[in-house]
Amino acid sequence: MIDYFALGLTHALIMIALARTLVRPDLDREEAMADEAQVADEPAERSKRRSARRRRDGAGA
């Protein structure tokens, strides 16, 4: 009896979490993807600035 209750409870909680996730309105917006792309480009920008600073500091020494 306890095994059926445990299985039923966990499956019910998974279904509730899935239903709450699918009902979220921000799943239909694509603005978040544009923000993620900008965040993904930030490390590349930092490495470009860092390499430019190294070149500049190395040329002056």
PDB file of N, CA and C in Angstrom:
ATOM      1  N   MET A   1       0.823  -1.191   0.000  1.00  0.00           N
ATOM      2  CA  MET A   1       0.000   0.000   0.000  1.00  0.00           C
ATOM      3  C   MET A   1       0.874   1.264   0.000  1.00  0.00           C
ATOM      4  N   ILE A   2       1.913   1.257   0.832  1.00  0.00           N
ATOM      5  CA  ILE A   2       2.797   2.416   0.913  1.00  0.00           C
ATOM      6  C   ILE A   2       3.516   2.613  -0.411  1.00  0.00           C
ATOM      7  N   ASP A   3       3.902   1.529  -1.066  1.00  0.00           N
ATOM      8  CA  ASP A   3       4.599   1.650  -2.343  1.00  0.00           C
ATOM      9  C   ASP A   3       3.719   2.343  -3.380  1.00  0.00           C
ATOM     10  N   TYR A   4       2.442   2.000  -3.424  1.00  0.00           N
ATOM     11  CA  TYR A   4       1.540   2.641  -4.374  1.00  0.00           C
ATOM     12  C   TYR A   4       1.358   4.124  -4.038  1.00  0.00           C
ATOM     13  N   PHE A   5       1.291   4.423  -2.754  1.00  0.00           N
ATOM     14  CA  PHE A   5       1.145   5.809  -2.331  1.00  0.00           C
ATOM     15  C   PHE A   5       2.387   6.618  -2.718  1.00  0.00           C
ATOM     16  N   ALA A   6       3.563   6.071  -2.483  1.00  0.00           N
ATOM     17  CA  ALA A   6       4.804   6.769  -2.811  1.00  0.00           C
ATOM     18  C   ALA A   6       4.910   6.989  -4.317  1.00  0.00           C
ATOM     19  N   LEU A   7       4.600   5.971  -5.095  1.00  0.00           N
ATOM     20  CA  LEU A   7       4.645   6.119  -6.548  1.00  0.00           C
ATOM     21  C   LEU A   7       3.620   7.136  -7.029  1.00  0.00           C
ATOM     22  N   GLY A   8       2.419   7.072  -6.487  1.00  0.00           N
ATOM     23  CA  GLY A   8       1.373   8.006  -6.879  1.00  0.00           C
ATOM     24  C   GLY A   8       1.718   9.434  -6.498  1.00  0.00           C
ATOM     25  N   LEU A   9       2.274   9.618  -5.315  1.00  0.00           N
ATOM     26  CA  LEU A   9       2.635  10.950  -4.852  1.00  0.00           C
ATOM     27  C   LEU A   9       3.726  11.556  -5.726  1.00  0.00           C
ATOM     28  N   THR A  10       4.773  10.804  -5.998  1.00  0.00           N
ATOM     29  CA  THR A  10       5.864  11.352  -6.807  1.00  0.00           C
ATOM     30  C   THR A  10       5.396  11.656  -8.224  1.00  0.00           C
ATOM     31  N   HIS A  11       4.594  10.778  -8.789  1.00  0.00           N
ATOM     32  CA  HIS A  11       4.093  11.034 -10.144  1.00  0.00           C
ATOM     33  C   HIS A  11       3.154  12.238 -10.165  1.00  0.00           C
ATOM     34  N   ALA A  12       2.357  12.395  -9.133  1.00  0.00           N
ATOM     35  CA  ALA A  12       1.455  13.544  -9.065  1.00  0.00           C
ATOM     36  C   ALA A  12       2.253  14.840  -8.949  1.00  0.00           C
ATOM     37  N   LEU A  13       3.306  14.833  -8.153  1.00  0.00           N
ATOM     38  CA  LEU A  13       4.127  16.032  -8.016  1.00  0.00           C
ATOM     39  C   LEU A  13       4.843  16.370  -9.325  1.00  0.00           C
ATOM     40  N   ILE A  14       5.290  15.361 -10.031  1.00  0.00           N
ATOM     41  CA  ILE A  14       5.924  15.599 -11.338  1.00  0.00           C
ATOM     42  C   ILE A  14       4.911  16.192 -12.309  1.00  0.00           C
ATOM     43  N   MET A  15       3.706  15.684 -12.325  1.00  0.00           N
ATOM     44  CA  MET A  15       2.674  16.205 -13.226  1.00  0.00           C
ATOM     45  C   MET A  15       2.306  17.645 -12.868  1.00  0.00           C
ATOM     46  N   ILE A  16       2.243  17.957 -11.583  1.00  0.00           N
ATOM     47  CA  ILE A  16       1.943  19.328 -11.168  1.00  0.00           C
ATOM     48  C   ILE A  16       3.052  20.264 -11.617  1.00  0.00           C
ATOM     49  N   ALA A  17       4.306  19.845 -11.431  1.00  0.00           N
ATOM     50  CA  ALA A  17       5.435  20.686 -11.854  1.00  0.00           C
ATOM     51  C   ALA A  17       5.427  20.871 -13.359  1.00  0.00           C
ATOM     52  N   LEU A  18       5.137  19.835 -14.107  1.00  0.00           N
ATOM     53  CA  LEU A  18       5.078  19.924 -15.564  1.00  0.00           C
ATOM     54  C   LEU A  18       3.954  20.850 -16.010  1.00  0.00           C
ATOM     55  N   ALA A  19       2.794  20.726 -15.389  1.00  0.00           N
ATOM     56  CA  ALA A  19       1.664  21.584 -15.749  1.00  0.00           C
ATOM     57  C   ALA A  19       1.975  23.048 -15.438  1.00  0.00           C
ATOM     58  N   ARG A  20       2.591  23.315 -14.295  1.00  0.00           N
ATOM     59  CA  ARG A  20       2.927  24.701 -13.942  1.00  0.00           C
ATOM     60  C   ARG A  20       3.976  25.275 -14.890  1.00  0.00           C
ATOM     61  N   THR A  21       4.889  24.437 -15.345  1.00  0.00           N
ATOM     62  CA  THR A  21       5.920  24.900 -16.271  1.00  0.00           C
ATOM     63  C   THR A  21       5.324  25.212 -17.638  1.00  0.00           C
ATOM     64  N   LEU A  22       4.438  24.369 -18.113  1.00  0.00           N
ATOM     65  CA  LEU A  22       3.860  24.562 -19.440  1.00  0.00           C
ATOM     66  C   LEU A  22       2.890  25.729 -19.511  1.00  0.00           C
ATOM     67  N   VAL A  23       2.335  26.154 -18.381  1.00  0.00           N
ATOM     68  CA  VAL A  23       1.356  27.234 -18.355  1.00  0.00           C
ATOM     69  C   VAL A  23       2.043  28.605 -18.264  1.00  0.00           C
ATOM     70  N   ARG A  24       3.328  28.629 -17.989  1.00  0.00           N
ATOM     71  CA  ARG A  24       4.035  29.897 -17.817  1.00  0.00           C
ATOM     72  C   ARG A  24       3.974  30.738 -19.092  1.00  0.00           C
ATOM     73  N   PRO A  25       3.661  32.027 -18.978  1.00  0.00           N
ATOM     74  CA  PRO A  25       3.551  32.868 -20.172  1.00  0.00           C
ATOM     75  C   PRO A  25       4.895  33.209 -20.804  1.00  0.00           C
ATOM     76  N   ASP A  26       5.972  33.154 -20.052  1.00  0.00           N
ATOM     77  CA  ASP A  26       7.261  33.526 -20.626  1.00  0.00           C
ATOM     78  C   ASP A  26       7.845  32.447 -21.531  1.00  0.00           C
ATOM     79  N   LEU A  27       7.177  31.318 -21.659  1.00  0.00           N
ATOM     80  CA  LEU A  27       7.644  30.288 -22.582  1.00  0.00           C
ATOM     81  C   LEU A  27       7.374  30.665 -24.032  1.00  0.00           C
ATOM     82  N   ASP A  28       6.425  31.560 -24.262  1.00  0.00           N
ATOM     83  CA  ASP A  28       6.067  31.949 -25.620  1.00  0.00           C
ATOM     84  C   ASP A  28       6.867  33.136 -26.134  1.00  0.00           C
ATOM     85  N   ARG A  29       7.655  33.770 -25.291  1.00  0.00           N
ATOM     86  CA  ARG A  29       8.430  34.937 -25.714  1.00  0.00           C
ATOM     87  C   ARG A  29       9.811  34.511 -26.175  1.00  0.00           C
ATOM     88  N   GLU A  30      10.314  35.177 -27.202  1.00  0.00           N
ATOM     89  CA  GLU A  30      11.648  34.884 -27.691  1.00  0.00           C
ATOM     90  C   GLU A  30      12.651  35.952 -27.278  1.00  0.00           C
ATOM     91  N   GLU A  31      12.223  36.925 -26.499  1.00  0.00           N
ATOM     92  CA  GLU A  31      13.121  37.966 -26.029  1.00  0.00           C
ATOM     93  C   GLU A  31      14.211  37.392 -25.140  1.00  0.00           C
ATOM     94  N   ALA A  32      13.874  36.349 -24.401  1.00  0.00           N
ATOM     95  CA  ALA A  32      14.855  35.753 -23.504  1.00  0.00           C
ATOM     96  C   ALA A  32      16.030  35.195 -24.296  1.00  0.00           C
ATOM     97  N   MET A  33      15.777  34.668 -25.471  1.00  0.00           N
ATOM     98  CA  MET A  33      16.866  34.122 -26.277  1.00  0.00           C
ATOM     99  C   MET A  33      17.804  35.223 -26.741  1.00  0.00           C
ATOM    100  N   ALA A  34      17.263  36.390 -27.045  1.00  0.00           N
ATOM    101  CA  ALA A  34      18.108  37.508 -27.453  1.00  0.00           C
ATOM    102  C   ALA A  34      18.986  37.950 -26.294  1.00  0.00           C
ATOM    103  N   ASP A  35      18.436  37.945 -25.081  1.00  0.00           N
ATOM    104  CA  ASP A  35      19.222  38.302 -23.906  1.00  0.00           C
ATOM    105  C   ASP A  35      20.322  37.284 -23.658  1.00  0.00           C
ATOM    106  N   GLU A  36      20.017  35.999 -23.872  1.00  0.00           N
ATOM    107  CA  GLU A  36      21.015  34.955 -23.665  1.00  0.00           C
ATOM    108  C   GLU A  36      22.155  35.093 -24.664  1.00  0.00           C
ATOM    109  N   ALA A  37      21.845  35.471 -25.883  1.00  0.00           N
ATOM    110  CA  ALA A  37      22.896  35.634 -26.878  1.00  0.00           C
ATOM    111  C   ALA A  37      23.819  36.785 -26.484  1.00  0.00           C
ATOM    112  N   GLN A  38      23.264  37.830 -25.942  1.00  0.00           N
ATOM    113  CA  GLN A  38      24.070  38.963 -25.504  1.00  0.00           C
ATOM    114  C   GLN A  38      24.960  38.544 -24.337  1.00  0.00           C
ATOM    115  N   VAL A  39      24.417  37.784 -23.420  1.00  0.00           N
ATOM    116  CA  VAL A  39      25.198  37.310 -22.286  1.00  0.00           C
ATOM    117  C   VAL A  39      26.283  36.360 -22.765  1.00  0.00           C
ATOM    118  N   ALA A  40      25.988  35.552 -23.780  1.00  0.00           N
ATOM    119  CA  ALA A  40      26.985  34.621 -24.300  1.00  0.00           C
ATOM    120  C   ALA A  40      28.120  35.362 -24.989  1.00  0.00           C
ATOM    121  N   ASP A  41      27.858  36.535 -25.552  1.00  0.00           N
ATOM    122  CA  ASP A  41      28.901  37.307 -26.233  1.00  0.00           C
ATOM    123  C   ASP A  41      29.799  38.067 -25.260  1.00  0.00           C
ATOM    124  N   GLU A  42      29.376  38.259 -24.037  1.00  0.00           N
ATOM    125  CA  GLU A  42      30.152  39.038 -23.080  1.00  0.00           C
ATOM    126  C   GLU A  42      31.542  38.451 -22.816  1.00  0.00           C
ATOM    127  N   PRO A  43      31.690  37.135 -22.636  1.00  0.00           N
ATOM    128  CA  PRO A  43      33.047  36.619 -22.423  1.00  0.00           C
ATOM    129  C   PRO A  43      33.962  36.863 -23.625  1.00  0.00           C
ATOM    130  N   ALA A  44      33.419  36.810 -24.826  1.00  0.00           N
ATOM    131  CA  ALA A  44      34.234  37.082 -26.012  1.00  0.00           C
ATOM    132  C   ALA A  44      34.687  38.534 -26.018  1.00  0.00           C
ATOM    133  N   GLU A  45      33.797  39.445 -25.634  1.00  0.00           N
ATOM    134  CA  GLU A  45      34.167  40.855 -25.564  1.00  0.00           C
ATOM    135  C   GLU A  45      35.247  41.080 -24.508  1.00  0.00           C
ATOM    136  N   ARG A  46      35.108  40.401 -23.376  1.00  0.00           N
ATOM    137  CA  ARG A  46      36.115  40.544 -22.326  1.00  0.00           C
ATOM    138  C   ARG A  46      37.469  40.039 -22.788  1.00  0.00           C
ATOM    139  N   SER A  47      37.471  38.911 -23.495  1.00  0.00           N
ATOM    140  CA  SER A  47      38.757  38.377 -23.950  1.00  0.00           C
ATOM    141  C   SER A  47      39.372  39.290 -25.007  1.00  0.00           C
ATOM    142  N   LYS A  48      38.555  39.937 -25.840  1.00  0.00           N
ATOM    143  CA  LYS A  48      39.079  40.879 -26.830  1.00  0.00           C
ATOM    144  C   LYS A  48      39.715  42.083 -26.139  1.00  0.00           C
ATOM    145  N   ARG A  49      39.026  42.598 -25.115  1.00  0.00           N
ATOM    146  CA  ARG A  49      39.581  43.739 -24.381  1.00  0.00           C
ATOM    147  C   ARG A  49      40.865  43.356 -23.661  1.00  0.00           C
ATOM    148  N   ARG A  50      40.870  42.143 -23.099  1.00  0.00           N
ATOM    149  CA  ARG A  50      42.043  41.697 -22.372  1.00  0.00           C
ATOM    150  C   ARG A  50      43.229  41.528 -23.314  1.00  0.00           C
ATOM    151  N   SER A  51      42.994  40.944 -24.502  1.00  0.00           N
ATOM    152  CA  SER A  51      44.103  40.761 -25.441  1.00  0.00           C
ATOM    153  C   SER A  51      44.578  42.107 -25.986  1.00  0.00           C
ATOM    154  N   ALA A  52      43.659  43.056 -26.185  1.00  0.00           N
ATOM    155  CA  ALA A  52      44.064  44.384 -26.643  1.00  0.00           C
ATOM    156  C   ALA A  52      44.903  45.072 -25.566  1.00  0.00           C
ATOM    157  N   ARG A  53      44.531  44.903 -24.304  1.00  0.00           N
ATOM    158  CA  ARG A  53      45.285  45.496 -23.215  1.00  0.00           C
ATOM    159  C   ARG A  53      46.674  44.874 -23.127  1.00  0.00           C
ATOM    160  N   ARG A  54      46.762  43.549 -23.342  1.00  0.00           N
ATOM    161  CA  ARG A  54      48.082  42.898 -23.316  1.00  0.00           C
ATOM    162  C   ARG A  54      48.966  43.405 -24.441  1.00  0.00           C
ATOM    163  N   ARG A  55      48.375  43.554 -25.633  1.00  0.00           N
ATOM    164  CA  ARG A  55      49.159  44.062 -26.759  1.00  0.00           C
ATOM    165  C   ARG A  55      49.634  45.473 -26.482  1.00  0.00           C
ATOM    166  N   ARG A  56      48.745  46.290 -25.934  1.00  0.00           N
ATOM    167  CA  ARG A  56      49.094  47.669 -25.635  1.00  0.00           C
ATOM    168  C   ARG A  56      50.171  47.744 -24.563  1.00  0.00           C
ATOM    169  N   ASP A  57      50.029  46.966 -23.519  1.00  0.00           N
ATOM    170  CA  ASP A  57      51.024  46.979 -22.431  1.00  0.00           C
ATOM    171  C   ASP A  57      52.347  46.376 -22.893  1.00  0.00           C
ATOM    172  N   GLY A  58      52.284  45.379 -23.754  1.00  0.00           N
ATOM    173  CA  GLY A  58      53.514  44.760 -24.243  1.00  0.00           C
ATOM    174  C   GLY A  58      54.269  45.661 -25.194  1.00  0.00           C
ATOM    175  N   ALA A  59      53.556  46.462 -25.964  1.00  0.00           N
ATOM    176  CA  ALA A  59      54.200  47.359 -26.929  1.00  0.00           C
ATOM    177  C   ALA A  59      54.895  48.516 -26.214  1.00  0.00           C
ATOM    178  N   GLY A  60      54.373  48.907 -25.063  1.00  0.00           N
ATOM    179  CA  GLY A  60      54.941  50.033 -24.340  1.00  0.00           C
ATOM    180  C   GLY A  60      56.156  49.666 -23.506  1.00  0.00           C
ATOM    181  N   ALA A  61      56.350  48.356 -23.264  1.00  0.00           N
ATOM    182  CA  ALA A  61      57.454  47.933 -22.375  1.00  0.00           C
ATOM    183  C   ALA A  61      58.776  47.812 -23.071  1.00  0.00           C
TER     184      ALA A  61
END
